Protein backbone atom coordinates (compact mmCIF):
# COMPACT_ATOMS: atom_id res chain seq x y z
CA UNK A 1 0.00 0.00 0.00
CA UNK A 2 1.32 3.40 -0.92
CA UNK A 3 1.07 6.65 0.93
CA UNK A 4 1.90 10.09 -0.34
CA UNK A 5 3.79 12.99 1.22
CA UNK A 6 4.32 16.63 0.32
CA UNK A 7 7.94 17.61 -0.19
CA UNK A 8 9.75 20.92 -0.50
CA UNK A 9 13.36 20.69 -1.69
CA UNK A 10 13.76 17.19 -0.26
CA UNK A 11 12.21 18.04 3.11
CA UNK A 12 8.99 16.28 4.10
CA UNK A 13 6.13 18.49 5.26
CA UNK A 14 5.11 17.73 8.83
CA UNK A 15 2.76 20.57 9.70
CA UNK A 16 0.91 23.58 8.37
CA UNK A 17 -0.13 26.57 10.47
CA UNK A 18 -1.90 29.01 8.15
CA UNK A 19 -3.02 31.19 11.06
CA UNK A 20 0.59 31.88 12.04
CA UNK A 21 2.93 34.45 10.53
CA UNK A 22 3.74 33.40 6.95
CA UNK A 23 7.37 32.41 7.54
CA UNK A 24 6.12 29.85 10.08
CA UNK A 25 3.33 28.35 7.96
CA UNK A 26 5.18 25.15 7.14
CA UNK A 27 7.18 22.89 9.41
CA UNK A 28 9.48 20.03 8.51
CA UNK A 29 10.58 17.31 10.94
CA UNK A 30 12.92 14.47 10.25
CA UNK A 31 10.70 11.54 11.28
CA UNK A 32 7.19 12.98 11.50
CA UNK A 33 5.35 14.12 8.40
CA UNK A 34 1.87 14.46 6.98
CA UNK A 35 0.76 11.43 4.97
CA UNK A 36 -2.05 11.06 2.47
CA UNK A 37 -3.84 7.98 1.19
CA UNK A 38 -3.97 9.32 -2.36
CA UNK A 39 -2.15 11.77 -4.57
CA UNK A 40 -5.44 13.65 -5.08
CA UNK A 41 -5.80 14.16 -1.31
CA UNK A 42 -2.32 15.70 -1.16
CA UNK A 43 -3.14 17.93 -4.16
CA UNK A 44 -6.28 19.13 -2.36
CA UNK A 45 -4.18 20.22 0.61
CA UNK A 46 -1.70 22.03 -1.63
CA UNK A 47 -4.62 23.84 -3.29
CA UNK A 48 -5.99 24.73 0.14
CA UNK A 49 -2.63 26.21 1.22
CA UNK A 50 -2.47 28.24 -1.99
CA UNK A 51 -6.02 29.54 -1.55
CA UNK A 52 -5.35 30.46 2.07
CA UNK A 53 -2.32 32.47 0.97
CA UNK A 54 -4.49 34.23 -1.61
CA UNK A 55 -7.18 35.17 0.90
CA UNK A 56 -5.03 35.86 3.99
CA UNK A 57 -1.99 37.63 2.60
CA UNK A 58 -1.19 40.53 0.32
CA UNK A 59 1.68 41.97 -1.66
CA UNK A 60 5.16 40.50 -1.58
CA UNK A 61 4.37 38.07 1.25
CA UNK A 62 1.49 36.54 -0.73
CA UNK A 63 3.71 36.12 -3.80
CA UNK A 64 6.52 34.61 -1.72
CA UNK A 65 4.27 32.01 -0.06
CA UNK A 66 2.43 31.19 -3.29
CA UNK A 67 5.71 30.67 -5.14
CA UNK A 68 6.91 28.44 -2.33
CA UNK A 69 3.71 26.38 -2.51
CA UNK A 70 4.04 26.04 -6.28
CA UNK A 71 7.41 24.36 -5.68
CA UNK A 72 5.90 21.65 -3.47
CA UNK A 73 5.88 18.16 -4.94
CA UNK A 74 4.08 14.98 -4.01
CA UNK A 75 6.13 11.84 -3.49
CA UNK A 76 4.92 8.28 -3.15
CA UNK A 77 6.19 6.29 -0.19
CA UNK A 78 5.84 2.53 -0.38
CA UNK A 79 5.32 0.78 2.92
PDB file of N, CA and C in Angstrom:
ATOM      1  N   UNK A   1       0.839  -1.185   0.000  1.00  0.00           N
ATOM      2  CA  UNK A   1       0.000   0.000   0.000  1.00  0.00           C
ATOM      3  C   UNK A   1       0.881   1.245   0.000  1.00  0.00           C
ATOM      4  N   UNK A   2       0.541   2.172  -0.821  1.00  0.00           N
ATOM      5  CA  UNK A   2       1.324   3.396  -0.924  1.00  0.00           C
ATOM      6  C   UNK A   2       0.680   4.526  -0.144  1.00  0.00           C
ATOM      7  N   UNK A   3       1.523   5.381   0.350  1.00  0.00           N
ATOM      8  CA  UNK A   3       1.066   6.645   0.928  1.00  0.00           C
ATOM      9  C   UNK A   3       1.823   7.751   0.209  1.00  0.00           C
ATOM     10  N   UNK A   4       1.320   8.957   0.355  1.00  0.00           N
ATOM     11  CA  UNK A   4       1.901  10.088  -0.339  1.00  0.00           C
ATOM     12  C   UNK A   4       2.265  11.174   0.667  1.00  0.00           C
ATOM     13  N   UNK A   5       3.329  11.897   0.373  1.00  0.00           N
ATOM     14  CA  UNK A   5       3.786  12.995   1.224  1.00  0.00           C
ATOM     15  C   UNK A   5       4.045  14.218   0.361  1.00  0.00           C
ATOM     16  N   UNK A   6       3.989  15.384   0.991  1.00  0.00           N
ATOM     17  CA  UNK A   6       4.316  16.632   0.317  1.00  0.00           C
ATOM     18  C   UNK A   6       5.754  16.986   0.675  1.00  0.00           C
ATOM     19  N   UNK A   7       6.512  17.360  -0.360  1.00  0.00           N
ATOM     20  CA  UNK A   7       7.944  17.606  -0.186  1.00  0.00           C
ATOM     21  C   UNK A   7       8.301  18.988  -0.734  1.00  0.00           C
ATOM     22  N   UNK A   8       9.177  19.664  -0.017  1.00  0.00           N
ATOM     23  CA  UNK A   8       9.751  20.915  -0.495  1.00  0.00           C
ATOM     24  C   UNK A   8      11.265  20.792  -0.438  1.00  0.00           C
ATOM     25  N   UNK A   9      11.900  20.810  -1.586  1.00  0.00           N
ATOM     26  CA  UNK A   9      13.365  20.685  -1.691  1.00  0.00           C
ATOM     27  C   UNK A   9      13.922  19.524  -0.866  1.00  0.00           C
ATOM     28  N   UNK A  10      13.286  18.374  -0.959  1.00  0.00           N
ATOM     29  CA  UNK A  10      13.758  17.189  -0.265  1.00  0.00           C
ATOM     30  C   UNK A  10      13.315  17.060   1.184  1.00  0.00           C
ATOM     31  N   UNK A  11      12.676  18.096   1.717  1.00  0.00           N
ATOM     32  CA  UNK A  11      12.207  18.043   3.107  1.00  0.00           C
ATOM     33  C   UNK A  11      10.727  17.669   3.114  1.00  0.00           C
ATOM     34  N   UNK A  12      10.356  16.768   4.015  1.00  0.00           N
ATOM     35  CA  UNK A  12       8.988  16.279   4.100  1.00  0.00           C
ATOM     36  C   UNK A  12       8.158  17.183   5.006  1.00  0.00           C
ATOM     37  N   UNK A  13       7.009  17.593   4.520  1.00  0.00           N
ATOM     38  CA  UNK A  13       6.125  18.493   5.255  1.00  0.00           C
ATOM     39  C   UNK A  13       5.519  17.771   6.451  1.00  0.00           C
ATOM     40  N   UNK A  14       5.642  18.369   7.632  1.00  0.00           N
ATOM     41  CA  UNK A  14       5.109  17.733   8.833  1.00  0.00           C
ATOM     42  C   UNK A  14       3.986  18.532   9.482  1.00  0.00           C
ATOM     43  N   UNK A  15       3.831  19.783   9.121  1.00  0.00           N
ATOM     44  CA  UNK A  15       2.759  20.574   9.700  1.00  0.00           C
ATOM     45  C   UNK A  15       2.525  21.861   8.948  1.00  0.00           C
ATOM     46  N   UNK A  16       1.284  22.340   9.027  1.00  0.00           N
ATOM     47  CA  UNK A  16       0.909  23.583   8.366  1.00  0.00           C
ATOM     48  C   UNK A  16       0.122  24.417   9.358  1.00  0.00           C
ATOM     49  N   UNK A  17       0.493  25.674   9.494  1.00  0.00           N
ATOM     50  CA  UNK A  17      -0.127  26.570  10.467  1.00  0.00           C
ATOM     51  C   UNK A  17      -0.484  27.873   9.767  1.00  0.00           C
ATOM     52  N   UNK A  18      -1.558  27.858   8.970  1.00  0.00           N
ATOM     53  CA  UNK A  18      -1.898  29.012   8.150  1.00  0.00           C
ATOM     54  C   UNK A  18      -2.348  30.216   8.956  1.00  0.00           C
ATOM     55  N   UNK A  19      -2.633  30.045  10.226  1.00  0.00           N
ATOM     56  CA  UNK A  19      -3.021  31.187  11.059  1.00  0.00           C
ATOM     57  C   UNK A  19      -1.821  31.868  11.698  1.00  0.00           C
ATOM     58  N   UNK A  20      -0.643  31.333  11.477  1.00  0.00           N
ATOM     59  CA  UNK A  20       0.588  31.877  12.038  1.00  0.00           C
ATOM     60  C   UNK A  20       1.174  32.901  11.059  1.00  0.00           C
ATOM     61  N   UNK A  21       2.269  33.524  11.460  1.00  0.00           N
ATOM     62  CA  UNK A  21       2.931  34.447  10.535  1.00  0.00           C
ATOM     63  C   UNK A  21       3.452  33.628   9.345  1.00  0.00           C
ATOM     64  N   UNK A  22       3.443  34.178   8.151  1.00  0.00           N
ATOM     65  CA  UNK A  22       3.745  33.396   6.949  1.00  0.00           C
ATOM     66  C   UNK A  22       5.049  32.608   6.980  1.00  0.00           C
ATOM     67  N   UNK A  23       6.099  33.156   7.562  1.00  0.00           N
ATOM     68  CA  UNK A  23       7.368  32.412   7.539  1.00  0.00           C
ATOM     69  C   UNK A  23       7.296  31.147   8.383  1.00  0.00           C
ATOM     70  N   UNK A  24       6.277  31.035   9.244  1.00  0.00           N
ATOM     71  CA  UNK A  24       6.120  29.853  10.082  1.00  0.00           C
ATOM     72  C   UNK A  24       4.976  28.950   9.628  1.00  0.00           C
ATOM     73  N   UNK A  25       4.459  29.161   8.430  1.00  0.00           N
ATOM     74  CA  UNK A  25       3.332  28.354   7.961  1.00  0.00           C
ATOM     75  C   UNK A  25       3.666  26.876   7.860  1.00  0.00           C
ATOM     76  N   UNK A  26       4.849  26.547   7.432  1.00  0.00           N
ATOM     77  CA  UNK A  26       5.184  25.154   7.140  1.00  0.00           C
ATOM     78  C   UNK A  26       6.296  24.669   8.056  1.00  0.00           C
ATOM     79  N   UNK A  27       6.130  23.463   8.582  1.00  0.00           N
ATOM     80  CA  UNK A  27       7.182  22.892   9.414  1.00  0.00           C
ATOM     81  C   UNK A  27       7.622  21.554   8.823  1.00  0.00           C
ATOM     82  N   UNK A  28       8.876  21.244   9.043  1.00  0.00           N
ATOM     83  CA  UNK A  28       9.481  20.034   8.514  1.00  0.00           C
ATOM     84  C   UNK A  28      10.236  19.353   9.645  1.00  0.00           C
ATOM     85  N   UNK A  29       9.886  18.089   9.918  1.00  0.00           N
ATOM     86  CA  UNK A  29      10.577  17.312  10.939  1.00  0.00           C
ATOM     87  C   UNK A  29      11.144  16.059  10.288  1.00  0.00           C
ATOM     88  N   UNK A  30      12.208  15.587  10.856  1.00  0.00           N
ATOM     89  CA  UNK A  30      12.924  14.473  10.247  1.00  0.00           C
ATOM     90  C   UNK A  30      12.088  13.190  10.178  1.00  0.00           C
ATOM     91  N   UNK A  31      11.392  12.840  11.229  1.00  0.00           N
ATOM     92  CA  UNK A  31      10.703  11.541  11.276  1.00  0.00           C
ATOM     93  C   UNK A  31       9.205  11.647  11.508  1.00  0.00           C
ATOM     94  N   UNK A  32       8.618  12.801  11.253  1.00  0.00           N
ATOM     95  CA  UNK A  32       7.191  12.978  11.504  1.00  0.00           C
ATOM     96  C   UNK A  32       6.628  13.871  10.407  1.00  0.00           C
ATOM     97  N   UNK A  33       5.872  13.297   9.483  1.00  0.00           N
ATOM     98  CA  UNK A  33       5.355  14.116   8.396  1.00  0.00           C
ATOM     99  C   UNK A  33       3.909  13.766   8.093  1.00  0.00           C
ATOM    100  N   UNK A  34       3.247  14.674   7.400  1.00  0.00           N
ATOM    101  CA  UNK A  34       1.872  14.461   6.978  1.00  0.00           C
ATOM    102  C   UNK A  34       1.837  13.407   5.888  1.00  0.00           C
ATOM    103  N   UNK A  35       0.910  12.460   5.996  1.00  0.00           N
ATOM    104  CA  UNK A  35       0.764  11.434   4.971  1.00  0.00           C
ATOM    105  C   UNK A  35      -0.652  11.478   4.413  1.00  0.00           C
ATOM    106  N   UNK A  36      -0.774  11.043   3.185  1.00  0.00           N
ATOM    107  CA  UNK A  36      -2.050  11.056   2.471  1.00  0.00           C
ATOM    108  C   UNK A  36      -2.271   9.690   1.839  1.00  0.00           C
ATOM    109  N   UNK A  37      -3.523   9.290   1.772  1.00  0.00           N
ATOM    110  CA  UNK A  37      -3.842   7.981   1.192  1.00  0.00           C
ATOM    111  C   UNK A  37      -3.881   8.018  -0.328  1.00  0.00           C
ATOM    112  N   UNK A  38      -3.970   9.212  -0.898  1.00  0.00           N
ATOM    113  CA  UNK A  38      -3.969   9.324  -2.358  1.00  0.00           C
ATOM    114  C   UNK A  38      -3.260  10.606  -2.785  1.00  0.00           C
ATOM    115  N   UNK A  39      -2.804  10.598  -4.019  1.00  0.00           N
ATOM    116  CA  UNK A  39      -2.154  11.775  -4.571  1.00  0.00           C
ATOM    117  C   UNK A  39      -3.151  12.939  -4.661  1.00  0.00           C
ATOM    118  N   UNK A  40      -4.403  12.630  -4.972  1.00  0.00           N
ATOM    119  CA  UNK A  40      -5.445  13.654  -5.082  1.00  0.00           C
ATOM    120  C   UNK A  40      -5.672  14.355  -3.741  1.00  0.00           C
ATOM    121  N   UNK A  41      -5.632  13.591  -2.651  1.00  0.00           N
ATOM    122  CA  UNK A  41      -5.802  14.164  -1.315  1.00  0.00           C
ATOM    123  C   UNK A  41      -4.671  15.152  -1.005  1.00  0.00           C
ATOM    124  N   UNK A  42      -3.459  14.801  -1.371  1.00  0.00           N
ATOM    125  CA  UNK A  42      -2.323  15.699  -1.164  1.00  0.00           C
ATOM    126  C   UNK A  42      -2.473  16.952  -2.023  1.00  0.00           C
ATOM    127  N   UNK A  43      -2.925  16.783  -3.274  1.00  0.00           N
ATOM    128  CA  UNK A  43      -3.145  17.929  -4.158  1.00  0.00           C
ATOM    129  C   UNK A  43      -4.198  18.873  -3.581  1.00  0.00           C
ATOM    130  N   UNK A  44      -5.238  18.308  -2.990  1.00  0.00           N
ATOM    131  CA  UNK A  44      -6.283  19.134  -2.362  1.00  0.00           C
ATOM    132  C   UNK A  44      -5.692  20.002  -1.254  1.00  0.00           C
ATOM    133  N   UNK A  45      -4.812  19.426  -0.448  1.00  0.00           N
ATOM    134  CA  UNK A  45      -4.184  20.218   0.612  1.00  0.00           C
ATOM    135  C   UNK A  45      -3.301  21.318   0.030  1.00  0.00           C
ATOM    136  N   UNK A  46      -2.546  21.006  -0.996  1.00  0.00           N
ATOM    137  CA  UNK A  46      -1.702  22.027  -1.626  1.00  0.00           C
ATOM    138  C   UNK A  46      -2.572  23.157  -2.164  1.00  0.00           C
ATOM    139  N   UNK A  47      -3.689  22.817  -2.800  1.00  0.00           N
ATOM    140  CA  UNK A  47      -4.617  23.840  -3.294  1.00  0.00           C
ATOM    141  C   UNK A  47      -5.189  24.667  -2.145  1.00  0.00           C
ATOM    142  N   UNK A  48      -5.486  24.014  -1.032  1.00  0.00           N
ATOM    143  CA  UNK A  48      -5.988  24.731   0.140  1.00  0.00           C
ATOM    144  C   UNK A  48      -4.946  25.730   0.651  1.00  0.00           C
ATOM    145  N   UNK A  49      -3.689  25.302   0.756  1.00  0.00           N
ATOM    146  CA  UNK A  49      -2.634  26.207   1.219  1.00  0.00           C
ATOM    147  C   UNK A  49      -2.531  27.420   0.299  1.00  0.00           C
ATOM    148  N   UNK A  50      -2.577  27.164  -1.001  1.00  0.00           N
ATOM    149  CA  UNK A  50      -2.470  28.241  -1.989  1.00  0.00           C
ATOM    150  C   UNK A  50      -3.638  29.218  -1.844  1.00  0.00           C
ATOM    151  N   UNK A  51      -4.843  28.680  -1.704  1.00  0.00           N
ATOM    152  CA  UNK A  51      -6.024  29.537  -1.552  1.00  0.00           C
ATOM    153  C   UNK A  51      -5.993  30.334  -0.253  1.00  0.00           C
ATOM    154  N   UNK A  52      -5.495  29.736   0.804  1.00  0.00           N
ATOM    155  CA  UNK A  52      -5.352  30.457   2.072  1.00  0.00           C
ATOM    156  C   UNK A  52      -4.376  31.623   1.920  1.00  0.00           C
ATOM    157  N   UNK A  53      -3.282  31.390   1.205  1.00  0.00           N
ATOM    158  CA  UNK A  53      -2.321  32.465   0.969  1.00  0.00           C
ATOM    159  C   UNK A  53      -2.969  33.593   0.180  1.00  0.00           C
ATOM    160  N   UNK A  54      -3.807  33.237  -0.789  1.00  0.00           N
ATOM    161  CA  UNK A  54      -4.494  34.233  -1.607  1.00  0.00           C
ATOM    162  C   UNK A  54      -5.444  35.079  -0.777  1.00  0.00           C
ATOM    163  N   UNK A  55      -6.171  34.437   0.136  1.00  0.00           N
ATOM    164  CA  UNK A  55      -7.180  35.174   0.905  1.00  0.00           C
ATOM    165  C   UNK A  55      -6.621  35.848   2.154  1.00  0.00           C
ATOM    166  N   UNK A  56      -5.539  35.333   2.713  1.00  0.00           N
ATOM    167  CA  UNK A  56      -5.031  35.856   3.989  1.00  0.00           C
ATOM    168  C   UNK A  56      -3.899  36.864   3.854  1.00  0.00           C
ATOM    169  N   UNK A  57      -3.195  36.822   2.740  1.00  0.00           N
ATOM    170  CA  UNK A  57      -1.986  37.635   2.603  1.00  0.00           C
ATOM    171  C   UNK A  57      -2.120  38.617   1.457  1.00  0.00           C
ATOM    172  N   UNK A  58      -1.204  39.572   1.424  1.00  0.00           N
ATOM    173  CA  UNK A  58      -1.192  40.527   0.319  1.00  0.00           C
ATOM    174  C   UNK A  58       0.252  40.859  -0.058  1.00  0.00           C
ATOM    175  N   UNK A  59       0.388  41.459  -1.221  1.00  0.00           N
ATOM    176  CA  UNK A  59       1.678  41.974  -1.662  1.00  0.00           C
ATOM    177  C   UNK A  59       2.757  40.936  -1.805  1.00  0.00           C
ATOM    178  N   UNK A  60       3.976  41.344  -1.427  1.00  0.00           N
ATOM    179  CA  UNK A  60       5.156  40.495  -1.580  1.00  0.00           C
ATOM    180  C   UNK A  60       5.058  39.202  -0.783  1.00  0.00           C
ATOM    181  N   UNK A  61       4.460  39.275   0.415  1.00  0.00           N
ATOM    182  CA  UNK A  61       4.367  38.073   1.248  1.00  0.00           C
ATOM    183  C   UNK A  61       3.472  37.039   0.582  1.00  0.00           C
ATOM    184  N   UNK A  62       2.369  37.480  -0.020  1.00  0.00           N
ATOM    185  CA  UNK A  62       1.488  36.541  -0.732  1.00  0.00           C
ATOM    186  C   UNK A  62       2.253  35.879  -1.869  1.00  0.00           C
ATOM    187  N   UNK A  63       2.952  36.666  -2.662  1.00  0.00           N
ATOM    188  CA  UNK A  63       3.705  36.118  -3.796  1.00  0.00           C
ATOM    189  C   UNK A  63       4.774  35.141  -3.321  1.00  0.00           C
ATOM    190  N   UNK A  64       5.452  35.476  -2.241  1.00  0.00           N
ATOM    191  CA  UNK A  64       6.515  34.615  -1.719  1.00  0.00           C
ATOM    192  C   UNK A  64       5.963  33.257  -1.278  1.00  0.00           C
ATOM    193  N   UNK A  65       4.868  33.268  -0.530  1.00  0.00           N
ATOM    194  CA  UNK A  65       4.273  32.012  -0.056  1.00  0.00           C
ATOM    195  C   UNK A  65       3.687  31.222  -1.220  1.00  0.00           C
ATOM    196  N   UNK A  66       3.004  31.897  -2.147  1.00  0.00           N
ATOM    197  CA  UNK A  66       2.429  31.189  -3.293  1.00  0.00           C
ATOM    198  C   UNK A  66       3.519  30.544  -4.145  1.00  0.00           C
ATOM    199  N   UNK A  67       4.606  31.247  -4.378  1.00  0.00           N
ATOM    200  CA  UNK A  67       5.714  30.671  -5.142  1.00  0.00           C
ATOM    201  C   UNK A  67       6.310  29.473  -4.427  1.00  0.00           C
ATOM    202  N   UNK A  68       6.393  29.568  -3.118  1.00  0.00           N
ATOM    203  CA  UNK A  68       6.907  28.444  -2.332  1.00  0.00           C
ATOM    204  C   UNK A  68       5.983  27.231  -2.482  1.00  0.00           C
ATOM    205  N   UNK A  69       4.681  27.464  -2.390  1.00  0.00           N
ATOM    206  CA  UNK A  69       3.714  26.376  -2.508  1.00  0.00           C
ATOM    207  C   UNK A  69       3.773  25.749  -3.903  1.00  0.00           C
ATOM    208  N   UNK A  70       3.961  26.569  -4.922  1.00  0.00           N
ATOM    209  CA  UNK A  70       4.042  26.040  -6.281  1.00  0.00           C
ATOM    210  C   UNK A  70       5.242  25.117  -6.471  1.00  0.00           C
ATOM    211  N   UNK A  71       6.240  25.228  -5.611  1.00  0.00           N
ATOM    212  CA  UNK A  71       7.412  24.359  -5.675  1.00  0.00           C
ATOM    213  C   UNK A  71       7.265  23.065  -4.888  1.00  0.00           C
ATOM    214  N   UNK A  72       6.137  22.891  -4.185  1.00  0.00           N
ATOM    215  CA  UNK A  72       5.898  21.651  -3.471  1.00  0.00           C
ATOM    216  C   UNK A  72       5.708  20.514  -4.480  1.00  0.00           C
ATOM    217  N   UNK A  73       6.135  19.333  -4.104  1.00  0.00           N
ATOM    218  CA  UNK A  73       5.879  18.160  -4.935  1.00  0.00           C
ATOM    219  C   UNK A  73       5.272  17.075  -4.066  1.00  0.00           C
ATOM    220  N   UNK A  74       4.706  16.100  -4.718  1.00  0.00           N
ATOM    221  CA  UNK A  74       4.076  14.977  -4.011  1.00  0.00           C
ATOM    222  C   UNK A  74       4.883  13.728  -4.347  1.00  0.00           C
ATOM    223  N   UNK A  75       5.344  13.066  -3.305  1.00  0.00           N
ATOM    224  CA  UNK A  75       6.127  11.836  -3.491  1.00  0.00           C
ATOM    225  C   UNK A  75       5.362  10.645  -2.937  1.00  0.00           C
ATOM    226  N   UNK A  76       5.527   9.527  -3.609  1.00  0.00           N
ATOM    227  CA  UNK A  76       4.915   8.284  -3.154  1.00  0.00           C
ATOM    228  C   UNK A  76       5.902   7.556  -2.246  1.00  0.00           C
ATOM    229  N   UNK A  77       5.384   7.055  -1.134  1.00  0.00           N
ATOM    230  CA  UNK A  77       6.194   6.291  -0.188  1.00  0.00           C
ATOM    231  C   UNK A  77       5.585   4.890  -0.084  1.00  0.00           C
ATOM    232  N   UNK A  78       6.332   3.891  -0.436  1.00  0.00           N
ATOM    233  CA  UNK A  78       5.837   2.529  -0.381  1.00  0.00           C
ATOM    234  C   UNK A  78       6.141   1.950   0.994  1.00  0.00           C
ATOM    235  N   UNK A  79       5.127   1.342   1.572  1.00  0.00           N
ATOM    236  CA  UNK A  79       5.321   0.775   2.918  1.00  0.00           C
ATOM    237  C   UNK A  79       5.343  -0.735   2.874  1.00  0.00           C
TER     238      UNK A  79
END
